[in-house]
């Protein structure tokens, strides 16, 4: 199974992605690791990326995902067109949208920024929520609310939802 753990900054894409990949016995990648230095610098400065910045990055992420029989990747994939770019490389990929109210994620991002040197701060949340196109009913994937849930509980919910999706 190829899984894209998606959502805005602070939703837990990497933490859930690592735990899910471990549970599935699949390789994991954080799409942030594929960003060129210029993209990281823009985001660190609080400047949202443009589509011009994203397309080459999405191509790299999609190529990584499509090059494995099973894998989990943490990738924002905020718009349908971004998800379609990933699907072009991995047609059987499914999406796991980690969702929560913006106020919940603002607190998480503030706490993370205080504890680490992660480049994405709260200034990106407004633009990411404005950009976010939640999964449509005909897209291959599930949405899981991560408000107040532990990583283990989220992974359990994701696995249950994916099993239901697989039929």
N, C-alpha and C. Protein backbone atom coordinates (compact mmCIF):
# COMPACT_ATOMS: atom_id res chain seq x y z
N UNK A 1 0.85 -1.17 0.00
CA UNK A 1 0.00 0.00 0.00
C UNK A 1 0.90 1.24 0.00
N UNK A 2 0.53 2.20 -0.82
CA UNK A 2 1.22 3.49 -0.85
C UNK A 2 0.29 4.50 -0.18
N UNK A 3 0.80 5.17 0.86
CA UNK A 3 -0.01 6.08 1.65
C UNK A 3 0.65 7.44 1.70
N UNK A 4 -0.15 8.48 1.48
CA UNK A 4 0.29 9.86 1.64
C UNK A 4 -0.44 10.41 2.86
N UNK A 5 0.32 10.73 3.91
CA UNK A 5 -0.25 11.34 5.11
C UNK A 5 -0.19 12.84 4.87
N UNK A 6 -1.36 13.48 4.78
CA UNK A 6 -1.44 14.87 4.33
C UNK A 6 -2.10 15.77 5.37
N UNK A 7 -1.92 17.07 5.17
CA UNK A 7 -2.55 18.06 6.02
C UNK A 7 -1.67 19.28 6.19
N UNK A 8 -2.17 20.24 6.91
CA UNK A 8 -1.44 21.48 7.14
C UNK A 8 -0.33 21.27 8.15
N UNK A 9 0.54 22.25 8.26
CA UNK A 9 1.64 22.15 9.22
C UNK A 9 1.10 21.97 10.64
N UNK A 10 1.78 21.12 11.39
CA UNK A 10 1.40 20.90 12.78
C UNK A 10 0.37 19.82 13.02
N UNK A 11 -0.16 19.20 11.96
CA UNK A 11 -1.21 18.19 12.15
C UNK A 11 -0.64 16.83 12.56
N UNK A 12 0.66 16.66 12.45
CA UNK A 12 1.28 15.41 12.85
C UNK A 12 1.65 14.49 11.71
N UNK A 13 1.81 15.03 10.52
CA UNK A 13 2.11 14.20 9.35
C UNK A 13 3.33 13.31 9.57
N UNK A 14 4.41 13.88 10.05
CA UNK A 14 5.64 13.11 10.21
C UNK A 14 5.50 12.10 11.34
N UNK A 15 5.03 12.52 12.48
CA UNK A 15 4.90 11.60 13.63
C UNK A 15 3.96 10.44 13.30
N UNK A 16 2.81 10.75 12.73
CA UNK A 16 1.86 9.70 12.37
C UNK A 16 2.42 8.87 11.22
N UNK A 17 3.04 9.53 10.26
CA UNK A 17 3.61 8.80 9.12
C UNK A 17 4.65 7.79 9.54
N UNK A 18 5.56 8.18 10.44
CA UNK A 18 6.59 7.26 10.92
C UNK A 18 5.94 6.08 11.64
N UNK A 19 4.99 6.37 12.53
CA UNK A 19 4.32 5.31 13.29
C UNK A 19 3.51 4.40 12.37
N UNK A 20 2.84 4.97 11.38
CA UNK A 20 2.06 4.16 10.45
C UNK A 20 2.98 3.29 9.60
N UNK A 21 4.07 3.85 9.11
CA UNK A 21 5.02 3.08 8.31
C UNK A 21 5.58 1.91 9.12
N UNK A 22 5.89 2.17 10.37
CA UNK A 22 6.39 1.10 11.25
C UNK A 22 5.33 0.01 11.41
N UNK A 23 4.09 0.41 11.65
CA UNK A 23 3.01 -0.55 11.83
C UNK A 23 2.77 -1.38 10.57
N UNK A 24 2.95 -0.76 9.41
CA UNK A 24 2.72 -1.44 8.14
C UNK A 24 3.96 -2.17 7.63
N UNK A 25 5.11 -1.92 8.25
CA UNK A 25 6.36 -2.49 7.76
C UNK A 25 6.79 -1.90 6.44
N UNK A 26 6.50 -0.61 6.25
CA UNK A 26 6.77 0.07 4.99
C UNK A 26 7.86 1.13 5.18
N UNK A 27 8.57 1.46 4.09
CA UNK A 27 9.52 2.58 4.19
C UNK A 27 8.77 3.90 4.36
N UNK A 28 9.43 4.86 4.98
CA UNK A 28 8.85 6.18 5.24
C UNK A 28 9.75 7.26 4.69
N UNK A 29 9.13 8.32 4.19
CA UNK A 29 9.87 9.53 3.82
C UNK A 29 9.03 10.74 4.21
N UNK A 30 9.72 11.78 4.63
CA UNK A 30 9.08 13.06 4.90
C UNK A 30 9.33 13.93 3.68
N UNK A 31 8.27 14.34 3.01
CA UNK A 31 8.41 15.14 1.79
C UNK A 31 9.19 16.42 2.04
N UNK A 32 9.18 16.92 3.27
CA UNK A 32 9.96 18.13 3.57
C UNK A 32 11.44 17.92 3.25
N UNK A 33 11.92 16.69 3.37
CA UNK A 33 13.33 16.40 3.10
C UNK A 33 13.67 16.56 1.62
N UNK A 34 12.67 16.58 0.75
CA UNK A 34 12.88 16.71 -0.68
C UNK A 34 12.82 18.16 -1.16
N UNK A 35 12.48 19.11 -0.27
CA UNK A 35 12.44 20.51 -0.66
C UNK A 35 13.84 21.03 -0.96
N UNK A 36 13.98 21.80 -2.03
CA UNK A 36 15.27 22.47 -2.24
C UNK A 36 15.46 23.56 -1.19
N UNK A 37 16.70 23.96 -1.00
CA UNK A 37 17.04 24.96 0.02
C UNK A 37 16.24 26.25 -0.14
N UNK A 38 15.96 26.65 -1.37
CA UNK A 38 15.21 27.89 -1.60
C UNK A 38 13.80 27.79 -1.03
N UNK A 39 13.16 26.65 -1.17
CA UNK A 39 11.81 26.47 -0.60
C UNK A 39 11.86 26.52 0.91
N UNK A 40 12.84 25.86 1.52
CA UNK A 40 12.97 25.86 2.97
C UNK A 40 13.20 27.29 3.47
N UNK A 41 14.03 28.04 2.79
CA UNK A 41 14.30 29.43 3.19
C UNK A 41 13.04 30.28 3.12
N UNK A 42 12.24 30.09 2.07
CA UNK A 42 10.99 30.84 1.96
C UNK A 42 10.06 30.52 3.12
N UNK A 43 9.88 29.23 3.40
CA UNK A 43 8.97 28.84 4.47
C UNK A 43 9.49 29.29 5.83
N UNK A 44 10.80 29.22 6.03
CA UNK A 44 11.38 29.66 7.31
C UNK A 44 11.15 31.15 7.53
N UNK A 45 11.07 31.90 6.43
CA UNK A 45 10.82 33.34 6.51
C UNK A 45 9.33 33.64 6.62
N UNK A 46 8.49 32.58 6.63
CA UNK A 46 7.05 32.78 6.73
C UNK A 46 6.38 33.08 5.41
N UNK A 47 7.10 32.86 4.30
CA UNK A 47 6.56 33.12 2.97
C UNK A 47 5.99 31.83 2.40
N UNK A 48 4.71 31.82 2.08
CA UNK A 48 4.11 30.61 1.49
C UNK A 48 4.75 30.28 0.15
N UNK A 49 4.83 29.02 -0.16
CA UNK A 49 5.35 28.59 -1.46
C UNK A 49 4.31 28.85 -2.54
N UNK A 50 4.80 29.13 -3.73
CA UNK A 50 3.93 29.28 -4.90
C UNK A 50 3.82 27.92 -5.58
N UNK A 51 2.88 27.79 -6.49
CA UNK A 51 2.80 26.55 -7.25
C UNK A 51 4.08 26.33 -8.04
N UNK A 52 4.69 27.40 -8.51
CA UNK A 52 5.97 27.30 -9.23
C UNK A 52 7.03 26.62 -8.34
N UNK A 53 7.01 26.91 -7.05
CA UNK A 53 7.92 26.28 -6.10
C UNK A 53 7.56 24.81 -5.87
N UNK A 54 6.28 24.51 -5.89
CA UNK A 54 5.80 23.18 -5.49
C UNK A 54 5.90 22.11 -6.58
N UNK A 55 5.67 22.47 -7.84
CA UNK A 55 5.58 21.42 -8.88
C UNK A 55 6.82 20.55 -8.97
N UNK A 56 8.04 21.12 -9.01
CA UNK A 56 9.22 20.23 -9.06
C UNK A 56 9.35 19.36 -7.81
N UNK A 57 9.01 19.93 -6.66
CA UNK A 57 9.06 19.19 -5.40
C UNK A 57 8.06 18.03 -5.42
N UNK A 58 6.82 18.29 -5.86
CA UNK A 58 5.81 17.23 -5.93
C UNK A 58 6.23 16.12 -6.89
N UNK A 59 6.93 16.49 -7.96
CA UNK A 59 7.42 15.49 -8.91
C UNK A 59 8.44 14.57 -8.24
N UNK A 60 9.32 15.14 -7.43
CA UNK A 60 10.32 14.35 -6.71
C UNK A 60 9.64 13.43 -5.69
N UNK A 61 8.69 13.98 -4.94
CA UNK A 61 7.97 13.19 -3.94
C UNK A 61 7.20 12.06 -4.62
N UNK A 62 6.50 12.38 -5.70
CA UNK A 62 5.75 11.36 -6.43
C UNK A 62 6.64 10.27 -7.00
N UNK A 63 7.79 10.66 -7.49
CA UNK A 63 8.74 9.68 -8.03
C UNK A 63 9.22 8.74 -6.93
N UNK A 64 9.51 9.29 -5.75
CA UNK A 64 9.92 8.46 -4.62
C UNK A 64 8.81 7.47 -4.27
N UNK A 65 7.60 7.98 -4.12
CA UNK A 65 6.46 7.14 -3.73
C UNK A 65 6.18 6.07 -4.78
N UNK A 66 6.16 6.47 -6.04
CA UNK A 66 5.86 5.53 -7.12
C UNK A 66 6.93 4.49 -7.35
N UNK A 67 8.12 4.74 -6.84
CA UNK A 67 9.23 3.82 -7.05
C UNK A 67 9.30 2.69 -6.04
N UNK A 68 8.30 2.58 -5.18
CA UNK A 68 8.26 1.55 -4.16
C UNK A 68 6.93 0.82 -4.20
N UNK A 69 6.95 -0.50 -3.96
CA UNK A 69 5.68 -1.23 -3.97
C UNK A 69 4.77 -0.86 -2.81
N UNK A 70 5.38 -0.43 -1.71
CA UNK A 70 4.61 0.06 -0.57
C UNK A 70 5.46 1.12 0.11
N UNK A 71 4.82 2.15 0.63
CA UNK A 71 5.55 3.24 1.27
C UNK A 71 4.56 4.18 1.93
N UNK A 72 5.08 4.95 2.87
CA UNK A 72 4.31 6.01 3.51
C UNK A 72 5.13 7.29 3.37
N UNK A 73 4.48 8.33 2.91
CA UNK A 73 5.15 9.63 2.80
C UNK A 73 4.29 10.68 3.48
N UNK A 74 4.93 11.54 4.24
CA UNK A 74 4.26 12.69 4.85
C UNK A 74 4.42 13.86 3.89
N UNK A 75 3.30 14.37 3.39
CA UNK A 75 3.34 15.44 2.38
C UNK A 75 2.07 16.26 2.54
N UNK A 76 2.21 17.57 2.57
CA UNK A 76 1.04 18.42 2.80
C UNK A 76 -0.09 18.15 1.82
N UNK A 77 0.21 18.05 0.52
CA UNK A 77 -0.79 17.70 -0.51
C UNK A 77 -2.10 18.45 -0.30
N UNK A 78 -2.03 19.74 -0.12
CA UNK A 78 -3.19 20.53 0.29
C UNK A 78 -4.26 20.69 -0.78
N UNK A 79 -3.88 20.67 -2.03
CA UNK A 79 -4.85 20.87 -3.11
C UNK A 79 -5.05 19.57 -3.89
N UNK A 80 -6.22 19.46 -4.48
CA UNK A 80 -6.51 18.32 -5.34
C UNK A 80 -5.46 18.20 -6.44
N UNK A 81 -5.07 19.30 -7.05
CA UNK A 81 -4.09 19.24 -8.14
C UNK A 81 -2.75 18.69 -7.65
N UNK A 82 -2.38 18.97 -6.40
CA UNK A 82 -1.13 18.42 -5.85
C UNK A 82 -1.28 16.92 -5.65
N UNK A 83 -2.44 16.51 -5.17
CA UNK A 83 -2.67 15.07 -4.98
C UNK A 83 -2.69 14.35 -6.33
N UNK A 84 -3.26 15.00 -7.33
CA UNK A 84 -3.26 14.42 -8.68
C UNK A 84 -1.84 14.26 -9.21
N UNK A 85 -0.96 15.21 -8.88
CA UNK A 85 0.45 15.11 -9.30
C UNK A 85 1.11 13.89 -8.66
N UNK A 86 0.78 13.61 -7.41
CA UNK A 86 1.33 12.43 -6.74
C UNK A 86 0.74 11.14 -7.32
N UNK A 87 -0.57 11.16 -7.58
CA UNK A 87 -1.25 10.00 -8.16
C UNK A 87 -0.69 9.67 -9.55
N UNK A 88 -0.24 10.68 -10.28
CA UNK A 88 0.34 10.44 -11.60
C UNK A 88 1.55 9.51 -11.51
N UNK A 89 2.26 9.55 -10.39
CA UNK A 89 3.42 8.68 -10.18
C UNK A 89 3.06 7.39 -9.45
N UNK A 90 2.02 7.43 -8.64
CA UNK A 90 1.63 6.28 -7.82
C UNK A 90 0.11 6.16 -7.89
N UNK A 91 -0.43 5.61 -8.98
CA UNK A 91 -1.87 5.59 -9.20
C UNK A 91 -2.70 4.90 -8.12
N UNK A 92 -2.08 4.01 -7.36
CA UNK A 92 -2.82 3.30 -6.32
C UNK A 92 -2.66 3.92 -4.93
N UNK A 93 -2.05 5.09 -4.86
CA UNK A 93 -1.83 5.74 -3.56
C UNK A 93 -3.17 6.14 -2.93
N UNK A 94 -3.18 6.10 -1.60
CA UNK A 94 -4.33 6.57 -0.83
C UNK A 94 -3.86 7.70 0.08
N UNK A 95 -4.78 8.59 0.38
CA UNK A 95 -4.46 9.76 1.19
C UNK A 95 -5.10 9.64 2.57
N UNK A 96 -4.34 10.07 3.56
CA UNK A 96 -4.83 10.13 4.93
C UNK A 96 -4.73 11.60 5.34
N UNK A 97 -5.87 12.28 5.39
CA UNK A 97 -5.90 13.70 5.77
C UNK A 97 -6.03 13.79 7.29
N UNK A 98 -4.99 14.32 7.92
CA UNK A 98 -5.01 14.56 9.36
C UNK A 98 -5.58 15.95 9.58
N UNK A 99 -6.76 16.02 10.16
CA UNK A 99 -7.48 17.29 10.28
C UNK A 99 -7.67 17.69 11.73
N UNK A 100 -7.72 19.00 11.95
CA UNK A 100 -8.01 19.57 13.27
C UNK A 100 -8.32 21.04 13.08
N UNK A 101 -9.05 21.64 14.01
CA UNK A 101 -9.30 23.08 13.93
C UNK A 101 -7.99 23.86 13.97
N UNK A 102 -7.96 24.99 13.30
CA UNK A 102 -6.73 25.79 13.20
C UNK A 102 -6.19 26.17 14.58
N UNK A 103 -7.06 26.52 15.51
CA UNK A 103 -6.59 26.93 16.83
C UNK A 103 -5.82 25.81 17.52
N UNK A 104 -6.22 24.57 17.33
CA UNK A 104 -5.52 23.42 17.91
C UNK A 104 -4.11 23.31 17.33
N UNK A 105 -4.03 23.47 16.02
CA UNK A 105 -2.73 23.31 15.36
C UNK A 105 -1.81 24.50 15.61
N UNK A 106 -2.39 25.68 15.79
CA UNK A 106 -1.55 26.84 16.13
C UNK A 106 -0.81 26.59 17.43
N UNK A 107 -1.49 26.03 18.41
CA UNK A 107 -0.84 25.72 19.69
C UNK A 107 0.25 24.67 19.51
N UNK A 108 -0.03 23.65 18.72
CA UNK A 108 0.98 22.61 18.47
C UNK A 108 2.21 23.19 17.80
N UNK A 109 1.99 24.05 16.81
CA UNK A 109 3.12 24.63 16.07
C UNK A 109 3.94 25.54 16.98
N UNK A 110 3.26 26.32 17.82
CA UNK A 110 3.99 27.17 18.77
C UNK A 110 4.86 26.32 19.69
N UNK A 111 4.31 25.23 20.20
CA UNK A 111 5.06 24.34 21.10
C UNK A 111 6.23 23.70 20.35
N UNK A 112 6.00 23.27 19.11
CA UNK A 112 7.06 22.65 18.32
C UNK A 112 8.17 23.66 18.03
N UNK A 113 7.80 24.88 17.67
CA UNK A 113 8.78 25.90 17.35
C UNK A 113 9.66 26.23 18.55
N UNK A 114 9.06 26.20 19.74
CA UNK A 114 9.82 26.48 20.95
C UNK A 114 10.79 25.34 21.27
N UNK A 115 10.45 24.12 20.87
CA UNK A 115 11.25 22.95 21.22
C UNK A 115 12.24 22.53 20.14
N UNK A 116 12.01 22.93 18.89
CA UNK A 116 12.86 22.48 17.79
C UNK A 116 13.18 23.66 16.88
N UNK A 117 13.92 23.37 15.84
CA UNK A 117 14.23 24.40 14.85
C UNK A 117 13.45 24.17 13.56
N UNK A 118 12.26 23.58 13.66
CA UNK A 118 11.45 23.30 12.46
C UNK A 118 11.17 24.61 11.73
N UNK A 119 11.29 24.58 10.40
CA UNK A 119 11.19 25.81 9.62
C UNK A 119 9.77 26.35 9.49
N UNK A 120 8.76 25.53 9.67
CA UNK A 120 7.39 25.98 9.46
C UNK A 120 6.79 26.47 10.77
N UNK A 121 6.48 27.76 10.80
CA UNK A 121 5.89 28.34 12.00
C UNK A 121 4.41 28.64 11.82
N UNK A 122 3.81 29.28 12.82
CA UNK A 122 2.38 29.56 12.79
C UNK A 122 2.00 30.51 11.66
N UNK A 123 2.95 31.31 11.17
CA UNK A 123 2.62 32.26 10.10
C UNK A 123 2.17 31.56 8.83
N UNK A 124 2.54 30.30 8.64
CA UNK A 124 2.13 29.57 7.44
C UNK A 124 0.73 28.97 7.54
N UNK A 125 0.20 28.86 8.75
CA UNK A 125 -1.09 28.20 8.92
C UNK A 125 -2.24 28.91 8.21
N UNK A 126 -2.30 30.24 8.28
CA UNK A 126 -3.38 30.96 7.60
C UNK A 126 -3.41 30.64 6.11
N UNK A 127 -2.24 30.71 5.47
CA UNK A 127 -2.21 30.45 4.02
C UNK A 127 -2.49 28.98 3.73
N UNK A 128 -2.03 28.09 4.60
CA UNK A 128 -2.28 26.67 4.34
C UNK A 128 -3.75 26.32 4.50
N UNK A 129 -4.41 26.87 5.50
CA UNK A 129 -5.86 26.62 5.63
C UNK A 129 -6.62 27.24 4.46
N UNK A 130 -6.15 28.39 3.97
CA UNK A 130 -6.81 29.02 2.81
C UNK A 130 -6.61 28.17 1.55
N UNK A 131 -5.48 27.50 1.46
CA UNK A 131 -5.15 26.67 0.30
C UNK A 131 -5.81 25.30 0.37
N UNK A 132 -6.02 24.79 1.58
CA UNK A 132 -6.49 23.42 1.78
C UNK A 132 -7.80 23.13 1.06
N UNK A 133 -7.76 22.08 0.27
CA UNK A 133 -8.95 21.51 -0.34
C UNK A 133 -9.10 20.12 0.27
N UNK A 134 -10.00 19.96 1.24
CA UNK A 134 -10.15 18.65 1.88
C UNK A 134 -10.45 17.58 0.84
N UNK A 135 -10.16 16.34 1.21
CA UNK A 135 -10.43 15.22 0.31
C UNK A 135 -11.88 15.24 -0.16
N UNK A 136 -12.06 15.07 -1.45
CA UNK A 136 -13.40 14.97 -2.02
C UNK A 136 -13.87 13.52 -1.89
N UNK A 137 -15.17 13.32 -1.94
CA UNK A 137 -15.75 11.99 -1.78
C UNK A 137 -15.25 10.96 -2.77
N UNK A 138 -14.81 11.42 -3.96
CA UNK A 138 -14.34 10.47 -4.97
C UNK A 138 -12.83 10.26 -4.95
N UNK A 139 -12.14 10.90 -3.99
CA UNK A 139 -10.70 10.70 -3.89
C UNK A 139 -10.40 9.47 -3.03
N UNK A 140 -9.31 8.78 -3.35
CA UNK A 140 -8.95 7.60 -2.57
C UNK A 140 -8.32 7.99 -1.24
N UNK A 141 -9.08 7.96 -0.18
CA UNK A 141 -8.50 8.32 1.10
C UNK A 141 -9.51 8.48 2.20
N UNK A 142 -8.98 8.84 3.37
CA UNK A 142 -9.78 9.01 4.57
C UNK A 142 -9.33 10.26 5.30
N UNK A 143 -10.24 10.79 6.12
CA UNK A 143 -9.93 11.94 6.96
C UNK A 143 -10.05 11.49 8.41
N UNK A 144 -9.05 11.86 9.21
CA UNK A 144 -9.03 11.49 10.62
C UNK A 144 -8.80 12.76 11.44
N UNK A 145 -9.66 13.00 12.42
CA UNK A 145 -9.52 14.15 13.32
C UNK A 145 -8.43 13.83 14.32
N UNK A 146 -7.43 14.71 14.41
CA UNK A 146 -6.30 14.49 15.30
C UNK A 146 -6.35 15.37 16.54
N UNK A 147 -7.45 16.06 16.75
CA UNK A 147 -7.59 16.94 17.92
C UNK A 147 -7.52 16.11 19.20
N UNK A 148 -6.52 16.36 20.01
CA UNK A 148 -6.43 15.72 21.30
C UNK A 148 -6.13 14.23 21.29
N UNK A 149 -5.88 13.65 20.15
CA UNK A 149 -5.63 12.21 20.07
C UNK A 149 -4.13 11.94 20.12
N UNK A 150 -3.76 10.84 20.75
CA UNK A 150 -2.36 10.42 20.77
C UNK A 150 -1.97 9.88 19.40
N UNK A 151 -0.68 9.82 19.15
CA UNK A 151 -0.21 9.27 17.87
C UNK A 151 -0.70 7.83 17.72
N UNK A 152 -0.62 7.06 18.77
CA UNK A 152 -1.09 5.67 18.71
C UNK A 152 -2.55 5.56 18.36
N UNK A 153 -3.37 6.42 18.97
CA UNK A 153 -4.81 6.40 18.68
C UNK A 153 -5.08 6.82 17.24
N UNK A 154 -4.33 7.80 16.74
CA UNK A 154 -4.50 8.24 15.36
C UNK A 154 -4.11 7.12 14.40
N UNK A 155 -2.99 6.47 14.66
CA UNK A 155 -2.54 5.38 13.79
C UNK A 155 -3.56 4.25 13.80
N UNK A 156 -4.09 3.92 14.95
CA UNK A 156 -5.12 2.87 15.03
C UNK A 156 -6.35 3.26 14.21
N UNK A 157 -6.78 4.52 14.33
CA UNK A 157 -7.93 4.99 13.55
C UNK A 157 -7.63 4.95 12.06
N UNK A 158 -6.42 5.36 11.68
CA UNK A 158 -6.03 5.34 10.27
C UNK A 158 -6.05 3.91 9.74
N UNK A 159 -5.46 2.99 10.47
CA UNK A 159 -5.43 1.60 10.02
C UNK A 159 -6.84 1.03 9.87
N UNK A 160 -7.71 1.33 10.83
CA UNK A 160 -9.10 0.86 10.74
C UNK A 160 -9.79 1.45 9.51
N UNK A 161 -9.59 2.75 9.29
CA UNK A 161 -10.25 3.42 8.16
C UNK A 161 -9.70 2.91 6.83
N UNK A 162 -8.38 2.69 6.77
CA UNK A 162 -7.79 2.17 5.54
C UNK A 162 -8.27 0.75 5.25
N UNK A 163 -8.43 -0.05 6.29
CA UNK A 163 -8.94 -1.41 6.11
C UNK A 163 -10.36 -1.38 5.55
N UNK A 164 -11.16 -0.46 6.05
CA UNK A 164 -12.53 -0.31 5.56
C UNK A 164 -12.51 0.15 4.11
N UNK A 165 -11.62 1.07 3.80
CA UNK A 165 -11.50 1.60 2.44
C UNK A 165 -11.09 0.50 1.48
N UNK A 166 -10.18 -0.37 1.91
CA UNK A 166 -9.69 -1.46 1.05
C UNK A 166 -10.76 -2.52 0.81
N UNK A 167 -11.79 -2.50 1.65
CA UNK A 167 -12.93 -3.36 1.41
C UNK A 167 -12.89 -4.66 2.08
